Amino acid sequence: MLADPALEQRARDLSKGLRCLVCRNENIDDSDAQLAKDLRILLRERLVAGDTDEEAVAFLVDRYGEYVLLNPPATGVNILLWVAGPAMLLAGVGIAFATFRRRGQGRAEELTEAERARLAEILKE
């Protein structure tokens, strides 16, 4: 914990947006992993050194990659990941719709005379 309450609050706010690299989808503020503790210390060191919020986060992203962000920006290669899920869902719905529509359009074939005669015999029984 930092002596300056405003600086400590900034550190806590920033750490809630950073992913623990061990715990996966848990922020470093809530994680008990040693690496999360190290990241919290590193973040506080950067803030004490005078970095802005953006500079401190950029330092961690440069060091650990965009995976350290809980909500990475939808730019560059990440845009493919943001778009792929909904696009695949829409494609699946379209394929299902086309399949069911095609099935519903099939007509029953006309019976031949032999089949009609056989059907009439079965219905008489």
Protein backbone atom coordinates (compact mmCIF):
# COMPACT_ATOMS: atom_id res chain seq x y z
CA MET A 1 0.00 0.00 0.00
CA LEU A 2 1.17 3.47 -0.82
CA ALA A 3 1.33 6.27 1.73
CA ASP A 4 -0.51 8.68 -0.60
CA PRO A 5 -4.22 7.70 -0.62
CA ALA A 6 -4.85 9.30 -4.02
CA LEU A 7 -1.94 7.38 -5.57
CA GLU A 8 -3.10 4.16 -3.91
CA GLN A 9 -6.60 4.67 -5.32
CA ARG A 10 -5.15 5.20 -8.80
CA ALA A 11 -3.15 1.98 -8.43
CA ARG A 12 -6.23 0.05 -7.33
CA ASP A 13 -8.33 1.43 -10.17
CA LEU A 14 -5.65 0.48 -12.71
CA SER A 15 -5.07 -2.96 -11.23
CA LYS A 16 -8.75 -3.83 -11.64
CA GLY A 17 -8.28 -3.59 -15.41
CA LEU A 18 -5.17 -5.79 -15.48
CA ARG A 19 -5.36 -9.58 -15.81
CA CYS A 20 -3.51 -11.95 -13.53
CA LEU A 21 -1.39 -14.03 -15.88
CA VAL A 22 -1.70 -17.06 -13.60
CA CYS A 23 -5.40 -16.91 -12.68
CA ARG A 24 -6.56 -16.01 -16.20
CA ASN A 25 -9.79 -14.00 -15.90
CA GLU A 26 -9.14 -12.49 -12.50
CA ASN A 27 -7.75 -9.01 -12.06
CA ILE A 28 -4.46 -8.53 -10.24
CA ASP A 29 -6.19 -6.64 -7.45
CA ASP A 30 -8.28 -9.69 -6.48
CA SER A 31 -5.69 -12.39 -7.18
CA ASP A 32 -3.56 -14.04 -4.49
CA ALA A 33 -0.95 -15.35 -6.96
CA GLN A 34 2.64 -14.29 -6.46
CA LEU A 35 2.85 -12.95 -10.01
CA ALA A 36 -0.20 -10.76 -9.39
CA LYS A 37 1.50 -9.41 -6.28
CA ASP A 38 4.62 -8.65 -8.33
CA LEU A 39 2.51 -6.87 -10.95
CA ARG A 40 0.80 -4.78 -8.25
CA ILE A 41 4.21 -3.79 -6.87
CA LEU A 42 5.52 -2.98 -10.35
CA LEU A 43 2.45 -0.87 -11.10
CA ARG A 44 2.85 1.08 -7.87
CA GLU A 45 6.56 1.62 -8.56
CA ARG A 46 5.72 3.11 -11.95
CA LEU A 47 3.10 5.42 -10.43
CA VAL A 48 5.49 6.56 -7.67
CA ALA A 49 8.10 7.23 -10.38
CA GLY A 50 5.68 9.74 -11.89
CA ASP A 51 4.12 7.78 -14.77
CA THR A 52 0.63 8.68 -15.86
CA ASP A 53 -2.03 5.97 -15.79
CA GLU A 54 -1.61 5.39 -19.52
CA GLU A 55 2.19 5.19 -19.26
CA ALA A 56 2.04 2.71 -16.37
CA VAL A 57 -0.38 0.44 -18.23
CA ALA A 58 1.61 0.81 -21.46
CA PHE A 59 4.74 -0.30 -19.59
CA LEU A 60 3.01 -3.48 -18.45
CA VAL A 61 1.54 -4.11 -21.92
CA ASP A 62 4.98 -3.66 -23.50
CA ARG A 63 6.45 -6.10 -21.01
CA TYR A 64 3.69 -8.76 -20.93
CA GLY A 65 1.65 -8.15 -24.09
CA GLU A 66 -1.98 -7.19 -24.54
CA TYR A 67 -3.02 -10.37 -22.71
CA VAL A 68 -2.39 -8.49 -19.45
CA LEU A 69 -5.40 -6.26 -20.22
CA LEU A 70 -8.78 -7.59 -19.10
CA ASN A 71 -10.49 -5.60 -21.86
CA PRO A 72 -8.07 -5.30 -24.78
CA PRO A 73 -8.89 -2.63 -27.36
CA ALA A 74 -10.76 -3.72 -30.48
CA THR A 75 -8.01 -2.73 -32.90
CA GLY A 76 -5.59 -4.52 -35.20
CA VAL A 77 -5.63 -8.29 -34.88
CA ASN A 78 -7.97 -8.12 -31.90
CA ILE A 79 -10.77 -6.85 -34.13
CA LEU A 80 -10.84 -10.32 -35.72
CA LEU A 81 -11.48 -11.87 -32.31
CA TRP A 82 -14.21 -9.36 -31.50
CA VAL A 83 -15.98 -9.95 -34.83
CA ALA A 84 -15.46 -13.71 -35.21
CA GLY A 85 -17.97 -14.82 -32.54
CA PRO A 86 -20.97 -12.83 -33.74
CA ALA A 87 -20.09 -13.54 -37.40
CA MET A 88 -20.02 -17.29 -36.76
CA LEU A 89 -23.32 -17.07 -34.88
CA LEU A 90 -24.97 -15.24 -37.77
CA ALA A 91 -23.54 -17.74 -40.27
CA GLY A 92 -24.90 -20.64 -38.20
CA VAL A 93 -28.36 -19.07 -37.98
CA GLY A 94 -28.32 -18.45 -41.75
CA ILE A 95 -27.35 -22.04 -42.53
CA ALA A 96 -29.99 -23.41 -40.15
CA PHE A 97 -32.65 -21.16 -41.68
CA ALA A 98 -31.72 -22.22 -45.23
CA THR A 99 -31.71 -25.90 -44.26
CA PHE A 100 -35.13 -25.80 -42.61
CA ARG A 101 -36.59 -23.74 -45.41
CA ARG A 102 -35.33 -26.20 -48.02
CA ARG A 103 -36.82 -29.12 -46.06
CA GLY A 104 -40.21 -27.45 -45.87
CA GLN A 105 -40.38 -26.95 -49.64
CA GLY A 106 -40.09 -30.63 -50.52
CA ARG A 107 -43.30 -32.01 -52.08
CA ALA A 108 -44.69 -35.45 -51.56
CA GLU A 109 -44.41 -37.51 -54.73
CA GLU A 110 -47.56 -38.69 -56.44
CA LEU A 111 -48.48 -42.33 -55.87
CA THR A 112 -48.40 -44.71 -58.78
CA GLU A 113 -51.50 -46.75 -59.67
CA ALA A 114 -49.97 -49.86 -58.07
CA GLU A 115 -49.27 -47.96 -54.85
CA ARG A 116 -52.80 -46.54 -54.78
CA ALA A 117 -54.27 -50.00 -55.23
CA ARG A 118 -52.07 -51.41 -52.45
CA LEU A 119 -53.04 -48.50 -50.15
CA ALA A 120 -56.73 -49.10 -50.85
CA GLU A 121 -56.29 -52.80 -49.90
CA ILE A 122 -54.55 -51.90 -46.65
CA LEU A 123 -57.25 -49.40 -45.71
CA LYS A 124 -60.01 -51.96 -46.32
CA GLU A 125 -58.49 -54.38 -43.84
